[in-house]
Amino acid sequence: MKGLTKEEFIRRINNIEEQFQHDNKCHKAFSTILKNDYVSNYDYNLILTDYTDMLEYIMDDKSQMITYFIYDLEFGKKYKDGMITEHDGTIIKLKTVEDLYNYLNK
């Protein structure tokens, strides 16, 4: 059986968010101190993308809602009621990691 417990899933998404925030700070620092440096090419999304893909596989997330939640909704911060719906018009709430987990396991 694929999947993670709610606690395992939330911990992993929270870890991705923490790493994402850390990597963004590093990226900003590099772009400040190395304005004309194209050699270091700090790619802060490389590992996070692989980790996200792995979570989508484990959670059998064919719709890539995990990726959408992380990158488009910025971990739920940009979510607004009604912006995501099922085919029948039912609202899909993705404001929190728990909402995401519940959606993936409905």
N, C-alpha and C. Protein backbone atom coordinates (compact mmCIF):
# COMPACT_ATOMS: atom_id res chain seq x y z
N MET A 1 0.82 -1.18 0.00
CA MET A 1 0.00 0.00 0.00
C MET A 1 0.87 1.25 0.00
N LYS A 2 0.54 2.17 -0.90
CA LYS A 2 1.26 3.43 -0.93
C LYS A 2 0.69 4.36 0.11
N GLY A 3 1.46 5.34 0.49
CA GLY A 3 0.96 6.37 1.38
C GLY A 3 1.79 6.54 2.63
N LEU A 4 1.49 7.60 3.33
CA LEU A 4 2.13 7.92 4.60
C LEU A 4 1.02 8.24 5.59
N THR A 5 1.33 8.12 6.87
CA THR A 5 0.37 8.58 7.86
C THR A 5 0.29 10.10 7.76
N LYS A 6 -0.76 10.66 8.33
CA LYS A 6 -0.92 12.11 8.31
C LYS A 6 0.28 12.80 8.96
N GLU A 7 0.73 12.27 10.08
CA GLU A 7 1.86 12.87 10.79
C GLU A 7 3.13 12.82 9.95
N GLU A 8 3.39 11.68 9.30
CA GLU A 8 4.57 11.55 8.45
C GLU A 8 4.51 12.52 7.27
N PHE A 9 3.34 12.61 6.66
CA PHE A 9 3.15 13.49 5.51
C PHE A 9 3.35 14.95 5.90
N ILE A 10 2.72 15.37 6.99
CA ILE A 10 2.83 16.76 7.45
C ILE A 10 4.28 17.09 7.78
N ARG A 11 4.97 16.18 8.44
CA ARG A 11 6.38 16.41 8.79
C ARG A 11 7.22 16.61 7.54
N ARG A 12 6.99 15.80 6.52
CA ARG A 12 7.77 15.90 5.30
C ARG A 12 7.49 17.19 4.53
N ILE A 13 6.23 17.57 4.44
CA ILE A 13 5.90 18.83 3.76
C ILE A 13 6.47 20.01 4.54
N ASN A 14 6.38 19.97 5.86
CA ASN A 14 6.96 21.04 6.68
C ASN A 14 8.48 21.10 6.50
N ASN A 15 9.13 19.94 6.36
CA ASN A 15 10.57 19.92 6.11
C ASN A 15 10.90 20.54 4.75
N ILE A 16 10.08 20.25 3.75
CA ILE A 16 10.28 20.85 2.43
C ILE A 16 10.15 22.36 2.53
N GLU A 17 9.13 22.83 3.25
CA GLU A 17 8.93 24.27 3.39
C GLU A 17 10.12 24.92 4.10
N GLU A 18 10.59 24.30 5.15
CA GLU A 18 11.74 24.83 5.89
C GLU A 18 12.97 24.90 4.99
N GLN A 19 13.23 23.84 4.23
CA GLN A 19 14.38 23.83 3.33
C GLN A 19 14.21 24.85 2.21
N PHE A 20 12.99 24.98 1.70
CA PHE A 20 12.67 25.93 0.65
C PHE A 20 12.99 27.36 1.13
N GLN A 21 12.57 27.69 2.35
CA GLN A 21 12.84 29.02 2.91
C GLN A 21 14.34 29.24 3.09
N HIS A 22 15.04 28.23 3.59
CA HIS A 22 16.49 28.32 3.78
C HIS A 22 17.19 28.52 2.43
N ASP A 23 16.80 27.75 1.44
CA ASP A 23 17.43 27.85 0.12
C ASP A 23 17.14 29.20 -0.54
N ASN A 24 15.96 29.74 -0.32
CA ASN A 24 15.66 31.07 -0.86
C ASN A 24 16.56 32.13 -0.24
N LYS A 25 16.83 32.01 1.06
CA LYS A 25 17.75 32.94 1.72
C LYS A 25 19.15 32.81 1.14
N CYS A 26 19.59 31.59 0.92
CA CYS A 26 20.92 31.36 0.32
C CYS A 26 20.99 31.93 -1.09
N HIS A 27 19.94 31.70 -1.86
CA HIS A 27 19.90 32.22 -3.22
C HIS A 27 19.99 33.75 -3.23
N LYS A 28 19.26 34.40 -2.34
CA LYS A 28 19.32 35.86 -2.25
C LYS A 28 20.71 36.33 -1.85
N ALA A 29 21.32 35.62 -0.90
CA ALA A 29 22.67 36.00 -0.47
C ALA A 29 23.67 35.84 -1.61
N PHE A 30 23.60 34.72 -2.32
CA PHE A 30 24.51 34.51 -3.46
C PHE A 30 24.31 35.58 -4.52
N SER A 31 23.08 35.93 -4.81
CA SER A 31 22.84 36.93 -5.85
C SER A 31 23.29 38.32 -5.41
N THR A 32 23.39 38.53 -4.09
CA THR A 32 23.89 39.82 -3.58
C THR A 32 25.41 39.87 -3.62
N ILE A 33 26.06 38.82 -3.14
CA ILE A 33 27.53 38.86 -3.06
C ILE A 33 28.21 38.43 -4.35
N LEU A 34 27.52 37.74 -5.22
CA LEU A 34 28.11 37.25 -6.47
C LEU A 34 27.28 37.74 -7.66
N LYS A 35 27.07 39.04 -7.76
CA LYS A 35 26.16 39.61 -8.75
C LYS A 35 26.48 39.17 -10.18
N ASN A 36 27.74 39.07 -10.51
CA ASN A 36 28.13 38.72 -11.88
C ASN A 36 28.65 37.30 -12.01
N ASP A 37 28.40 36.47 -11.01
CA ASP A 37 28.91 35.10 -11.01
C ASP A 37 27.88 34.16 -11.61
N TYR A 38 28.21 33.55 -12.72
CA TYR A 38 27.34 32.57 -13.34
C TYR A 38 27.91 31.16 -13.19
N VAL A 39 29.05 31.05 -12.53
CA VAL A 39 29.72 29.77 -12.39
C VAL A 39 29.08 28.93 -11.28
N SER A 40 28.77 29.54 -10.14
CA SER A 40 28.26 28.77 -9.01
C SER A 40 26.89 28.18 -9.32
N ASN A 41 26.06 28.88 -10.08
CA ASN A 41 24.75 28.37 -10.53
C ASN A 41 24.02 27.63 -9.42
N TYR A 42 23.83 28.28 -8.32
CA TYR A 42 23.18 27.68 -7.15
C TYR A 42 21.74 27.33 -7.50
N ASP A 43 21.46 26.02 -7.60
CA ASP A 43 20.11 25.56 -7.95
C ASP A 43 19.43 25.04 -6.70
N TYR A 44 18.66 25.90 -6.07
CA TYR A 44 18.06 25.56 -4.79
C TYR A 44 16.82 24.67 -4.91
N ASN A 45 16.34 24.42 -6.13
CA ASN A 45 15.15 23.60 -6.28
C ASN A 45 15.44 22.15 -6.68
N LEU A 46 16.67 21.84 -6.96
CA LEU A 46 17.02 20.52 -7.48
C LEU A 46 16.57 19.38 -6.56
N ILE A 47 16.98 19.40 -5.33
CA ILE A 47 16.64 18.34 -4.38
C ILE A 47 15.17 18.40 -4.01
N LEU A 48 14.64 19.62 -3.83
CA LEU A 48 13.24 19.76 -3.45
C LEU A 48 12.31 19.20 -4.52
N THR A 49 12.66 19.38 -5.77
CA THR A 49 11.84 18.84 -6.86
C THR A 49 11.83 17.31 -6.81
N ASP A 50 12.99 16.72 -6.61
CA ASP A 50 13.05 15.25 -6.51
C ASP A 50 12.26 14.75 -5.30
N TYR A 51 12.39 15.43 -4.19
CA TYR A 51 11.68 15.04 -2.97
C TYR A 51 10.17 15.16 -3.16
N THR A 52 9.75 16.23 -3.81
CA THR A 52 8.33 16.43 -4.09
C THR A 52 7.80 15.35 -5.03
N ASP A 53 8.57 15.03 -6.07
CA ASP A 53 8.18 13.96 -7.00
C ASP A 53 8.03 12.63 -6.26
N MET A 54 8.95 12.37 -5.32
CA MET A 54 8.89 11.13 -4.56
C MET A 54 7.64 11.09 -3.68
N LEU A 55 7.30 12.21 -3.05
CA LEU A 55 6.09 12.26 -2.24
C LEU A 55 4.85 12.04 -3.11
N GLU A 56 4.83 12.62 -4.31
CA GLU A 56 3.69 12.42 -5.20
C GLU A 56 3.55 10.95 -5.57
N TYR A 57 4.67 10.28 -5.77
CA TYR A 57 4.63 8.84 -6.08
C TYR A 57 4.11 8.05 -4.89
N ILE A 58 4.67 8.33 -3.72
CA ILE A 58 4.27 7.60 -2.51
C ILE A 58 2.79 7.80 -2.21
N MET A 59 2.32 9.02 -2.40
CA MET A 59 0.92 9.35 -2.08
C MET A 59 -0.01 9.08 -3.26
N ASP A 60 0.53 8.56 -4.36
CA ASP A 60 -0.24 8.26 -5.56
C ASP A 60 -1.00 9.51 -6.04
N ASP A 61 -0.27 10.62 -6.08
CA ASP A 61 -0.83 11.93 -6.43
C ASP A 61 -0.64 12.20 -7.92
N LYS A 62 -1.48 11.59 -8.74
CA LYS A 62 -1.38 11.74 -10.19
C LYS A 62 -1.74 13.15 -10.66
N SER A 63 -2.50 13.88 -9.87
CA SER A 63 -2.91 15.23 -10.25
C SER A 63 -1.85 16.28 -9.89
N GLN A 64 -0.79 15.86 -9.23
CA GLN A 64 0.31 16.73 -8.80
C GLN A 64 -0.15 17.87 -7.90
N MET A 65 -1.09 17.57 -7.02
CA MET A 65 -1.57 18.57 -6.07
C MET A 65 -0.50 18.97 -5.06
N ILE A 66 0.43 18.05 -4.76
CA ILE A 66 1.51 18.39 -3.84
C ILE A 66 2.37 19.49 -4.44
N THR A 67 2.75 19.33 -5.70
CA THR A 67 3.53 20.35 -6.40
C THR A 67 2.76 21.67 -6.45
N TYR A 68 1.49 21.58 -6.77
CA TYR A 68 0.65 22.78 -6.84
C TYR A 68 0.59 23.48 -5.48
N PHE A 69 0.40 22.71 -4.42
CA PHE A 69 0.33 23.25 -3.07
C PHE A 69 1.63 23.96 -2.69
N ILE A 70 2.76 23.33 -3.01
CA ILE A 70 4.06 23.89 -2.63
C ILE A 70 4.41 25.12 -3.46
N TYR A 71 4.37 24.99 -4.77
CA TYR A 71 4.89 26.05 -5.63
C TYR A 71 3.85 27.12 -5.99
N ASP A 72 2.67 26.74 -6.40
CA ASP A 72 1.67 27.72 -6.81
C ASP A 72 0.97 28.36 -5.62
N LEU A 73 0.64 27.54 -4.63
CA LEU A 73 -0.05 28.08 -3.45
C LEU A 73 0.91 28.49 -2.34
N GLU A 74 2.21 28.31 -2.57
CA GLU A 74 3.23 28.64 -1.58
C GLU A 74 2.87 28.08 -0.20
N PHE A 75 2.70 26.76 -0.18
CA PHE A 75 2.38 26.02 1.04
C PHE A 75 1.05 26.46 1.64
N GLY A 76 0.10 26.81 0.78
CA GLY A 76 -1.24 27.18 1.21
C GLY A 76 -1.44 28.66 1.50
N LYS A 77 -0.36 29.43 1.51
CA LYS A 77 -0.47 30.85 1.85
C LYS A 77 -1.27 31.64 0.82
N LYS A 78 -1.27 31.21 -0.43
CA LYS A 78 -2.00 31.93 -1.48
C LYS A 78 -3.38 31.34 -1.76
N TYR A 79 -3.77 30.33 -0.99
CA TYR A 79 -5.07 29.70 -1.20
C TYR A 79 -6.20 30.66 -0.85
N LYS A 80 -7.24 30.65 -1.71
CA LYS A 80 -8.47 31.39 -1.44
C LYS A 80 -9.63 30.44 -1.71
N ASP A 81 -10.64 30.50 -0.86
CA ASP A 81 -11.80 29.61 -1.00
C ASP A 81 -12.39 29.70 -2.41
N GLY A 82 -12.63 28.54 -2.99
CA GLY A 82 -13.26 28.47 -4.30
C GLY A 82 -12.31 28.47 -5.48
N MET A 83 -11.03 28.64 -5.25
CA MET A 83 -10.09 28.71 -6.37
C MET A 83 -9.81 27.32 -6.97
N ILE A 84 -10.08 26.26 -6.23
CA ILE A 84 -9.88 24.90 -6.73
C ILE A 84 -11.18 24.13 -6.47
N THR A 85 -11.69 23.50 -7.52
CA THR A 85 -12.94 22.76 -7.37
C THR A 85 -12.86 21.41 -8.07
N GLU A 86 -13.70 20.51 -7.61
CA GLU A 86 -13.89 19.23 -8.29
C GLU A 86 -14.72 19.50 -9.55
N HIS A 87 -14.87 18.47 -10.39
CA HIS A 87 -15.67 18.60 -11.61
C HIS A 87 -17.11 18.99 -11.31
N ASP A 88 -17.60 18.56 -10.16
CA ASP A 88 -19.00 18.85 -9.80
C ASP A 88 -19.17 20.19 -9.08
N GLY A 89 -18.07 20.94 -8.96
CA GLY A 89 -18.14 22.25 -8.32
C GLY A 89 -17.81 22.25 -6.84
N THR A 90 -17.61 21.08 -6.25
CA THR A 90 -17.24 20.98 -4.84
C THR A 90 -15.88 21.66 -4.63
N ILE A 91 -15.81 22.53 -3.64
CA ILE A 91 -14.56 23.25 -3.35
C ILE A 91 -13.53 22.31 -2.75
N ILE A 92 -12.31 22.38 -3.25
CA ILE A 92 -11.18 21.65 -2.69
C ILE A 92 -10.39 22.65 -1.85
N LYS A 93 -10.39 22.45 -0.55
CA LYS A 93 -9.68 23.35 0.36
C LYS A 93 -8.24 22.89 0.50
N LEU A 94 -7.29 23.79 0.20
CA LEU A 94 -5.87 23.49 0.32
C LEU A 94 -5.14 24.61 1.04
N LYS A 95 -5.65 24.98 2.18
CA LYS A 95 -5.05 26.06 2.96
C LYS A 95 -3.92 25.56 3.86
N THR A 96 -4.00 24.29 4.29
CA THR A 96 -3.00 23.73 5.21
C THR A 96 -2.49 22.40 4.65
N VAL A 97 -1.39 21.94 5.24
CA VAL A 97 -0.85 20.62 4.87
C VAL A 97 -1.87 19.54 5.19
N GLU A 98 -2.58 19.70 6.29
CA GLU A 98 -3.61 18.73 6.67
C GLU A 98 -4.73 18.69 5.62
N ASP A 99 -5.12 19.86 5.09
CA ASP A 99 -6.12 19.90 4.01
C ASP A 99 -5.63 19.10 2.81
N LEU A 100 -4.36 19.29 2.47
CA LEU A 100 -3.77 18.58 1.34
C LEU A 100 -3.79 17.06 1.58
N TYR A 101 -3.39 16.66 2.77
CA TYR A 101 -3.39 15.24 3.11
C TYR A 101 -4.80 14.67 3.01
N ASN A 102 -5.77 15.37 3.57
CA ASN A 102 -7.16 14.91 3.54
C ASN A 102 -7.66 14.79 2.09
N TYR A 103 -7.30 15.74 1.25
CA TYR A 103 -7.71 15.67 -0.16
C TYR A 103 -7.09 14.44 -0.83
N LEU A 104 -5.81 14.21 -0.59
CA LEU A 104 -5.12 13.07 -1.22
C LEU A 104 -5.66 11.73 -0.74
N ASN A 105 -6.27 11.70 0.43
CA ASN A 105 -6.74 10.45 1.01
C ASN A 105 -8.26 10.34 1.06
N LYS A 106 -8.94 11.13 0.28
CA LYS A 106 -10.41 11.05 0.28
C LYS A 106 -10.90 9.83 -0.48
